Amino acid sequence: MNCYTKMFVFTTILLLGLHQIYASRPLEEEQWLHKNLIIQSLQRGTVRGSQKNPCSTVPGRSRGRCILTQKNFAGHVAHATPSF
């Protein structure tokens, strides 16, 4: 085999194997968490109080105006592959 062919095959196998490595977690992860690591933490922002939902589907209860921008639609959701 040519040197470039061997390098191409090795690189291809290496790149295909990285897909499985991305899903793994390091061993002894709990010990890593308890070490003196510098982790940035942000302060919590203000939380608004709960309000009535104008888009409610309860008859006679929704007196507000529900526009399309207030509705939450999920688009392009990644579904899990079947396990069978």
PDB file of N, CA and C in Angstrom:
ATOM      1  N   MET A   1       0.833  -1.186   0.000  1.00  0.00           N
ATOM      2  CA  MET A   1       0.000   0.000   0.000  1.00  0.00           C
ATOM      3  C   MET A   1       0.878   1.249   0.000  1.00  0.00           C
ATOM      4  N   ASN A   2       0.352   2.242  -0.603  1.00  0.00           N
ATOM      5  CA  ASN A   2       1.040   3.521  -0.655  1.00  0.00           C
ATOM      6  C   ASN A   2       1.013   4.172   0.733  1.00  0.00           C
ATOM      7  N   CYS A   3       1.973   5.013   1.022  1.00  0.00           N
ATOM      8  CA  CYS A   3       2.048   5.693   2.322  1.00  0.00           C
ATOM      9  C   CYS A   3       0.839   6.596   2.542  1.00  0.00           C
ATOM     10  N   TYR A   4       0.400   7.275   1.489  1.00  0.00           N
ATOM     11  CA  TYR A   4      -0.759   8.164   1.609  1.00  0.00           C
ATOM     12  C   TYR A   4      -2.046   7.377   1.820  1.00  0.00           C
ATOM     13  N   THR A   5      -2.132   6.205   1.229  1.00  0.00           N
ATOM     14  CA  THR A   5      -3.314   5.366   1.415  1.00  0.00           C
ATOM     15  C   THR A   5      -3.395   4.891   2.860  1.00  0.00           C
ATOM     16  N   LYS A   6      -2.262   4.483   3.411  1.00  0.00           N
ATOM     17  CA  LYS A   6      -2.242   4.051   4.809  1.00  0.00           C
ATOM     18  C   LYS A   6      -2.623   5.199   5.738  1.00  0.00           C
ATOM     19  N   MET A   7      -2.112   6.386   5.446  1.00  0.00           N
ATOM     20  CA  MET A   7      -2.424   7.546   6.271  1.00  0.00           C
ATOM     21  C   MET A   7      -3.905   7.900   6.176  1.00  0.00           C
ATOM     22  N   PHE A   8      -4.470   7.779   4.987  1.00  0.00           N
ATOM     23  CA  PHE A   8      -5.894   8.066   4.800  1.00  0.00           C
ATOM     24  C   PHE A   8      -6.759   7.071   5.569  1.00  0.00           C
ATOM     25  N   VAL A   9      -6.425   5.785   5.490  1.00  0.00           N
ATOM     26  CA  VAL A   9      -7.192   4.757   6.200  1.00  0.00           C
ATOM     27  C   VAL A   9      -7.082   4.968   7.710  1.00  0.00           C
ATOM     28  N   PHE A  10      -5.893   5.246   8.202  1.00  0.00           N
ATOM     29  CA  PHE A  10      -5.697   5.482   9.634  1.00  0.00           C
ATOM     30  C   PHE A  10      -6.482   6.699  10.104  1.00  0.00           C
ATOM     31  N   THR A  11      -6.444   7.783   9.337  1.00  0.00           N
ATOM     32  CA  THR A  11      -7.168   9.002   9.703  1.00  0.00           C
ATOM     33  C   THR A  11      -8.670   8.766   9.695  1.00  0.00           C
ATOM     34  N   THR A  12      -9.154   8.016   8.716  1.00  0.00           N
ATOM     35  CA  THR A  12     -10.588   7.716   8.637  1.00  0.00           C
ATOM     36  C   THR A  12     -11.041   6.908   9.848  1.00  0.00           C
ATOM     37  N   ILE A  13     -10.279   5.890  10.203  1.00  0.00           N
ATOM     38  CA  ILE A  13     -10.635   5.066  11.365  1.00  0.00           C
ATOM     39  C   ILE A  13     -10.587   5.900  12.644  1.00  0.00           C
ATOM     40  N   LEU A  14      -9.595   6.756  12.750  1.00  0.00           N
ATOM     41  CA  LEU A  14      -9.474   7.615  13.928  1.00  0.00           C
ATOM     42  C   LEU A  14     -10.665   8.559  14.052  1.00  0.00           C
ATOM     43  N   LEU A  15     -11.058   9.186  12.958  1.00  0.00           N
ATOM     44  CA  LEU A  15     -12.179  10.128  13.005  1.00  0.00           C
ATOM     45  C   LEU A  15     -13.501   9.431  13.280  1.00  0.00           C
ATOM     46  N   LEU A  16     -13.689   8.226  12.755  1.00  0.00           N
ATOM     47  CA  LEU A  16     -14.920   7.490  13.031  1.00  0.00           C
ATOM     48  C   LEU A  16     -14.971   7.025  14.488  1.00  0.00           C
ATOM     49  N   GLY A  17     -13.833   6.767  15.087  1.00  0.00           N
ATOM     50  CA  GLY A  17     -13.780   6.350  16.482  1.00  0.00           C
ATOM     51  C   GLY A  17     -14.017   7.491  17.451  1.00  0.00           C
ATOM     52  N   LEU A  18     -13.772   8.727  17.042  1.00  0.00           N
ATOM     53  CA  LEU A  18     -13.970   9.873  17.929  1.00  0.00           C
ATOM     54  C   LEU A  18     -15.434  10.086  18.278  1.00  0.00           C
ATOM     55  N   HIS A  19     -16.331   9.643  17.426  1.00  0.00           N
ATOM     56  CA  HIS A  19     -17.763   9.815  17.680  1.00  0.00           C
ATOM     57  C   HIS A  19     -18.160   9.131  18.990  1.00  0.00           C
ATOM     58  N   GLN A  20     -17.605   7.970  19.268  1.00  0.00           N
ATOM     59  CA  GLN A  20     -17.922   7.260  20.498  1.00  0.00           C
ATOM     60  C   GLN A  20     -17.235   7.892  21.701  1.00  0.00           C
ATOM     61  N   ILE A  21     -16.088   8.487  21.509  1.00  0.00           N
ATOM     62  CA  ILE A  21     -15.362   9.110  22.614  1.00  0.00           C
ATOM     63  C   ILE A  21     -16.104  10.339  23.121  1.00  0.00           C
ATOM     64  N   TYR A  22     -16.768  11.063  22.239  1.00  0.00           N
ATOM     65  CA  TYR A  22     -17.492  12.263  22.645  1.00  0.00           C
ATOM     66  C   TYR A  22     -18.598  11.951  23.648  1.00  0.00           C
ATOM     67  N   ALA A  23     -19.158  10.757  23.599  1.00  0.00           N
ATOM     68  CA  ALA A  23     -20.271  10.395  24.472  1.00  0.00           C
ATOM     69  C   ALA A  23     -19.808   9.868  25.824  1.00  0.00           C
ATOM     70  N   SER A  24     -18.522   9.689  26.023  1.00  0.00           N
ATOM     71  CA  SER A  24     -18.040   9.119  27.274  1.00  0.00           C
ATOM     72  C   SER A  24     -17.760  10.203  28.306  1.00  0.00           C
ATOM     73  N   ARG A  25     -17.754   9.791  29.562  1.00  0.00           N
ATOM     74  CA  ARG A  25     -17.404  10.693  30.660  1.00  0.00           C
ATOM     75  C   ARG A  25     -16.117  10.184  31.300  1.00  0.00           C
ATOM     76  N   PRO A  26     -15.293  11.076  31.805  1.00  0.00           N
ATOM     77  CA  PRO A  26     -14.040  10.620  32.419  1.00  0.00           C
ATOM     78  C   PRO A  26     -14.301   9.871  33.721  1.00  0.00           C
ATOM     79  N   LEU A  27     -13.433   8.915  34.020  1.00  0.00           N
ATOM     80  CA  LEU A  27     -13.534   8.197  35.284  1.00  0.00           C
ATOM     81  C   LEU A  27     -13.134   9.127  36.421  1.00  0.00           C
ATOM     82  N   GLU A  28     -13.602   8.823  37.577  1.00  0.00           N
ATOM     83  CA  GLU A  28     -13.319   9.613  38.777  1.00  0.00           C
ATOM     84  C   GLU A  28     -13.760  11.060  38.606  1.00  0.00           C
ATOM     85  N   GLU A  29     -14.907  11.250  38.003  1.00  0.00           N
ATOM     86  CA  GLU A  29     -15.426  12.597  37.761  1.00  0.00           C
ATOM     87  C   GLU A  29     -15.737  13.318  39.066  1.00  0.00           C
ATOM     88  N   GLU A  30     -16.200  12.577  40.062  1.00  0.00           N
ATOM     89  CA  GLU A  30     -16.537  13.192  41.341  1.00  0.00           C
ATOM     90  C   GLU A  30     -15.300  13.805  41.997  1.00  0.00           C
ATOM     91  N   GLN A  31     -14.159  13.155  41.870  1.00  0.00           N
ATOM     92  CA  GLN A  31     -12.940  13.690  42.470  1.00  0.00           C
ATOM     93  C   GLN A  31     -12.520  14.972  41.768  1.00  0.00           C
ATOM     94  N   TRP A  32     -12.731  15.060  40.484  1.00  0.00           N
ATOM     95  CA  TRP A  32     -12.391  16.271  39.735  1.00  0.00           C
ATOM     96  C   TRP A  32     -13.241  17.445  40.198  1.00  0.00           C
ATOM     97  N   LEU A  33     -14.479  17.169  40.554  1.00  0.00           N
ATOM     98  CA  LEU A  33     -15.373  18.243  40.967  1.00  0.00           C
ATOM     99  C   LEU A  33     -14.972  18.832  42.315  1.00  0.00           C
ATOM    100  N   HIS A  34     -14.373  18.029  43.179  1.00  0.00           N
ATOM    101  CA  HIS A  34     -14.034  18.493  44.521  1.00  0.00           C
ATOM    102  C   HIS A  34     -12.653  19.143  44.605  1.00  0.00           C
ATOM    103  N   LYS A  35     -11.892  19.124  43.531  1.00  0.00           N
ATOM    104  CA  LYS A  35     -10.585  19.783  43.540  1.00  0.00           C
ATOM    105  C   LYS A  35     -10.786  21.291  43.507  1.00  0.00           C
ATOM    106  N   ASN A  36      -9.734  22.017  43.820  1.00  0.00           N
ATOM    107  CA  ASN A  36      -9.799  23.478  43.840  1.00  0.00           C
ATOM    108  C   ASN A  36      -9.754  24.019  42.416  1.00  0.00           C
ATOM    109  N   LEU A  37     -10.848  23.969  41.743  1.00  0.00           N
ATOM    110  CA  LEU A  37     -10.939  24.482  40.386  1.00  0.00           C
ATOM    111  C   LEU A  37     -11.562  25.869  40.417  1.00  0.00           C
ATOM    112  N   ILE A  38     -11.108  26.708  39.555  1.00  0.00           N
ATOM    113  CA  ILE A  38     -11.675  28.054  39.459  1.00  0.00           C
ATOM    114  C   ILE A  38     -12.813  27.992  38.443  1.00  0.00           C
ATOM    115  N   ILE A  39     -14.016  28.156  38.932  1.00  0.00           N
ATOM    116  CA  ILE A  39     -15.195  28.087  38.077  1.00  0.00           C
ATOM    117  C   ILE A  39     -15.914  29.423  38.161  1.00  0.00           C
ATOM    118  N   GLN A  40     -16.245  29.963  37.016  1.00  0.00           N
ATOM    119  CA  GLN A  40     -16.949  31.244  36.983  1.00  0.00           C
ATOM    120  C   GLN A  40     -18.414  31.011  37.332  1.00  0.00           C
ATOM    121  N   SER A  41     -18.943  31.824  38.216  1.00  0.00           N
ATOM    122  CA  SER A  41     -20.356  31.740  38.546  1.00  0.00           C
ATOM    123  C   SER A  41     -20.969  33.120  38.401  1.00  0.00           C
ATOM    124  N   LEU A  42     -22.163  33.160  37.882  1.00  0.00           N
ATOM    125  CA  LEU A  42     -22.862  34.416  37.662  1.00  0.00           C
ATOM    126  C   LEU A  42     -23.958  34.580  38.698  1.00  0.00           C
ATOM    127  N   GLN A  43     -24.257  35.826  39.041  1.00  0.00           N
ATOM    128  CA  GLN A  43     -25.330  36.087  39.985  1.00  0.00           C
ATOM    129  C   GLN A  43     -26.672  35.836  39.310  1.00  0.00           C
ATOM    130  N   ARG A  44     -27.624  35.450  40.111  1.00  0.00           N
ATOM    131  CA  ARG A  44     -28.949  35.165  39.596  1.00  0.00           C
ATOM    132  C   ARG A  44     -29.667  36.465  39.286  1.00  0.00           C
ATOM    133  N   GLY A  45     -30.345  36.500  38.166  1.00  0.00           N
ATOM    134  CA  GLY A  45     -31.097  37.686  37.776  1.00  0.00           C
ATOM    135  C   GLY A  45     -32.443  37.746  38.473  1.00  0.00           C
ATOM    136  N   THR A  46     -33.179  38.801  38.209  1.00  0.00           N
ATOM    137  CA  THR A  46     -34.492  38.964  38.823  1.00  0.00           C
ATOM    138  C   THR A  46     -35.484  37.998  38.196  1.00  0.00           C
ATOM    139  N   VAL A  47     -36.414  37.548  39.003  1.00  0.00           N
ATOM    140  CA  VAL A  47     -37.427  36.604  38.558  1.00  0.00           C
ATOM    141  C   VAL A  47     -38.771  37.302  38.590  1.00  0.00           C
ATOM    142  N   ARG A  48     -39.467  37.276  37.453  1.00  0.00           N
ATOM    143  CA  ARG A  48     -40.796  37.884  37.409  1.00  0.00           C
ATOM    144  C   ARG A  48     -41.806  36.981  38.111  1.00  0.00           C
ATOM    145  N   GLY A  49     -42.811  37.599  38.690  1.00  0.00           N
ATOM    146  CA  GLY A  49     -43.875  36.836  39.317  1.00  0.00           C
ATOM    147  C   GLY A  49     -44.748  36.167  38.270  1.00  0.00           C
ATOM    148  N   SER A  50     -45.506  35.182  38.690  1.00  0.00           N
ATOM    149  CA  SER A  50     -46.366  34.485  37.741  1.00  0.00           C
ATOM    150  C   SER A  50     -47.535  35.376  37.340  1.00  0.00           C
ATOM    151  N   GLN A  51     -47.950  35.247  36.098  1.00  0.00           N
ATOM    152  CA  GLN A  51     -49.049  36.039  35.560  1.00  0.00           C
ATOM    153  C   GLN A  51     -50.070  35.107  34.931  1.00  0.00           C
ATOM    154  N   LYS A  52     -51.259  35.645  34.684  1.00  0.00           N
ATOM    155  CA  LYS A  52     -52.276  34.862  34.003  1.00  0.00           C
ATOM    156  C   LYS A  52     -51.851  34.648  32.562  1.00  0.00           C
ATOM    157  N   ASN A  53     -52.161  33.505  32.037  1.00  0.00           N
ATOM    158  CA  ASN A  53     -51.831  33.179  30.661  1.00  0.00           C
ATOM    159  C   ASN A  53     -52.992  33.602  29.762  1.00  0.00           C
ATOM    160  N   PRO A  54     -52.799  34.584  28.869  1.00  0.00           N
ATOM    161  CA  PRO A  54     -53.891  34.992  27.991  1.00  0.00           C
ATOM    162  C   PRO A  54     -54.200  33.951  26.931  1.00  0.00           C
ATOM    163  N   CYS A  55     -53.322  33.000  26.733  1.00  0.00           N
ATOM    164  CA  CYS A  55     -53.528  31.969  25.707  1.00  0.00           C
ATOM    165  C   CYS A  55     -54.161  30.715  26.294  1.00  0.00           C
ATOM    166  N   SER A  56     -54.802  30.822  27.433  1.00  0.00           N
ATOM    167  CA  SER A  56     -55.398  29.670  28.091  1.00  0.00           C
ATOM    168  C   SER A  56     -56.515  29.088  27.243  1.00  0.00           C
ATOM    169  N   THR A  57     -56.676  27.773  27.327  1.00  0.00           N
ATOM    170  CA  THR A  57     -57.725  27.107  26.557  1.00  0.00           C
ATOM    171  C   THR A  57     -58.959  26.806  27.400  1.00  0.00           C
ATOM    172  N   VAL A  58     -59.010  27.306  28.623  1.00  0.00           N
ATOM    173  CA  VAL A  58     -60.167  27.091  29.475  1.00  0.00           C
ATOM    174  C   VAL A  58     -61.279  28.022  28.997  1.00  0.00           C
ATOM    175  N   PRO A  59     -62.457  27.491  28.650  1.00  0.00           N
ATOM    176  CA  PRO A  59     -63.539  28.342  28.142  1.00  0.00           C
ATOM    177  C   PRO A  59     -63.987  29.365  29.182  1.00  0.00           C
ATOM    178  N   GLY A  60     -64.183  30.600  28.737  1.00  0.00           N
ATOM    179  CA  GLY A  60     -64.665  31.657  29.602  1.00  0.00           C
ATOM    180  C   GLY A  60     -63.598  32.270  30.485  1.00  0.00           C
ATOM    181  N   ARG A  61     -62.402  31.764  30.467  1.00  0.00           N
ATOM    182  CA  ARG A  61     -61.338  32.273  31.327  1.00  0.00           C
ATOM    183  C   ARG A  61     -60.332  33.149  30.573  1.00  0.00           C
ATOM    184  N   SER A  62     -60.189  32.947  29.280  1.00  0.00           N
ATOM    185  CA  SER A  62     -59.169  33.703  28.546  1.00  0.00           C
ATOM    186  C   SER A  62     -59.777  34.996  28.020  1.00  0.00           C
ATOM    187  N   ARG A  63     -59.417  36.096  28.623  1.00  0.00           N
ATOM    188  CA  ARG A  63     -59.916  37.398  28.187  1.00  0.00           C
ATOM    189  C   ARG A  63     -58.808  38.208  27.522  1.00  0.00           C
ATOM    190  N   GLY A  64     -57.605  37.679  27.525  1.00  0.00           N
ATOM    191  CA  GLY A  64     -56.483  38.381  26.920  1.00  0.00           C
ATOM    192  C   GLY A  64     -56.372  38.082  25.436  1.00  0.00           C
ATOM    193  N   ARG A  65     -55.473  38.771  24.796  1.00  0.00           N
ATOM    194  CA  ARG A  65     -55.237  38.566  23.374  1.00  0.00           C
ATOM    195  C   ARG A  65     -53.998  37.690  23.217  1.00  0.00           C
ATOM    196  N   CYS A  66     -54.106  36.628  22.485  1.00  0.00           N
ATOM    197  CA  CYS A  66     -52.997  35.713  22.270  1.00  0.00           C
ATOM    198  C   CYS A  66     -52.518  35.875  20.834  1.00  0.00           C
ATOM    199  N   ILE A  67     -51.312  36.407  20.678  1.00  0.00           N
ATOM    200  CA  ILE A  67     -50.779  36.574  19.332  1.00  0.00           C
ATOM    201  C   ILE A  67     -49.769  35.470  19.058  1.00  0.00           C
ATOM    202  N   LEU A  68     -49.413  35.307  17.801  1.00  0.00           N
ATOM    203  CA  LEU A  68     -48.564  34.196  17.395  1.00  0.00           C
ATOM    204  C   LEU A  68     -47.185  34.249  18.044  1.00  0.00           C
ATOM    205  N   THR A  69     -46.663  35.436  18.312  1.00  0.00           N
ATOM    206  CA  THR A  69     -45.328  35.526  18.905  1.00  0.00           C
ATOM    207  C   THR A  69     -45.313  35.051  20.346  1.00  0.00           C
ATOM    208  N   GLN A  70     -46.467  34.954  20.990  1.00  0.00           N
ATOM    209  CA  GLN A  70     -46.512  34.495  22.370  1.00  0.00           C
ATOM    210  C   GLN A  70     -46.589  32.983  22.465  1.00  0.00           C
ATOM    211  N   LYS A  71     -46.916  32.316  21.380  1.00  0.00           N
ATOM    212  CA  LYS A  71     -47.024  30.866  21.402  1.00  0.00           C
ATOM    213  C   LYS A  71     -45.644  30.257  21.226  1.00  0.00           C
ATOM    214  N   ASN A  72     -45.395  29.189  21.940  1.00  0.00           N
ATOM    215  CA  ASN A  72     -44.108  28.509  21.855  1.00  0.00           C
ATOM    216  C   ASN A  72     -44.252  27.288  20.959  1.00  0.00           C
ATOM    217  N   PHE A  73     -43.599  27.325  19.822  1.00  0.00           N
ATOM    218  CA  PHE A  73     -43.624  26.213  18.891  1.00  0.00           C
ATOM    219  C   PHE A  73     -42.237  25.597  18.833  1.00  0.00           C
ATOM    220  N   ALA A  74     -42.187  24.289  18.824  1.00  0.00           N
ATOM    221  CA  ALA A  74     -40.901  23.600  18.703  1.00  0.00           C
ATOM    222  C   ALA A  74     -40.684  23.265  17.238  1.00  0.00           C
ATOM    223  N   GLY A  75     -39.564  23.669  16.716  1.00  0.00           N
ATOM    224  CA  GLY A  75     -39.251  23.374  15.331  1.00  0.00           C
ATOM    225  C   GLY A  75     -37.933  22.646  15.224  1.00  0.00           C
ATOM    226  N   HIS A  76     -37.851  21.747  14.297  1.00  0.00           N
ATOM    227  CA  HIS A  76     -36.643  20.969  14.038  1.00  0.00           C
ATOM    228  C   HIS A  76     -36.160  20.264  15.306  1.00  0.00           C
ATOM    229  N   VAL A  77     -37.035  19.518  15.923  1.00  0.00           N
ATOM    230  CA  VAL A  77     -36.696  18.813  17.147  1.00  0.00           C
ATOM    231  C   VAL A  77     -35.953  17.534  16.776  1.00  0.00           C
ATOM    232  N   ALA A  78     -34.852  17.271  17.438  1.00  0.00           N
ATOM    233  CA  ALA A  78     -34.086  16.052  17.198  1.00  0.00           C
ATOM    234  C   ALA A  78     -34.715  14.923  18.000  1.00  0.00           C
ATOM    235  N   HIS A  79     -35.206  13.921  17.310  1.00  0.00           N
ATOM    236  CA  HIS A  79     -35.840  12.788  17.972  1.00  0.00           C
ATOM    237  C   HIS A  79     -34.817  11.683  18.191  1.00  0.00           C
ATOM    238  N   ALA A  80     -34.991  10.950  19.262  1.00  0.00           N
ATOM    239  CA  ALA A  80     -34.110   9.823  19.542  1.00  0.00           C
ATOM    240  C   ALA A  80     -34.404   8.689  18.573  1.00  0.00           C
ATOM    241  N   THR A  81     -33.383   7.943  18.237  1.00  0.00           N
ATOM    242  CA  THR A  81     -33.569   6.811  17.340  1.00  0.00           C
ATOM    243  C   THR A  81     -34.252   5.683  18.092  1.00  0.00           C
ATOM    244  N   PRO A  82     -35.047   4.868  17.400  1.00  0.00           N
ATOM    245  CA  PRO A  82     -35.713   3.753  18.071  1.00  0.00           C
ATOM    246  C   PRO A  82     -34.689   2.773  18.634  1.00  0.00           C
ATOM    247  N   SER A  83     -34.998   2.181  19.770  1.00  0.00           N
ATOM    248  CA  SER A  83     -34.046   1.288  20.429  1.00  0.00           C
ATOM    249  C   SER A  83     -34.237  -0.169  20.050  1.00  0.00           C
ATOM    250  N   PHE A  84     -35.111  -0.461  19.131  1.00  0.00           N
ATOM    251  CA  PHE A  84     -35.318  -1.868  18.778  1.00  0.00           C
ATOM    252  C   PHE A  84     -34.537  -2.284  17.589  1.00  0.00           C
TER     253      PHE A  84
END
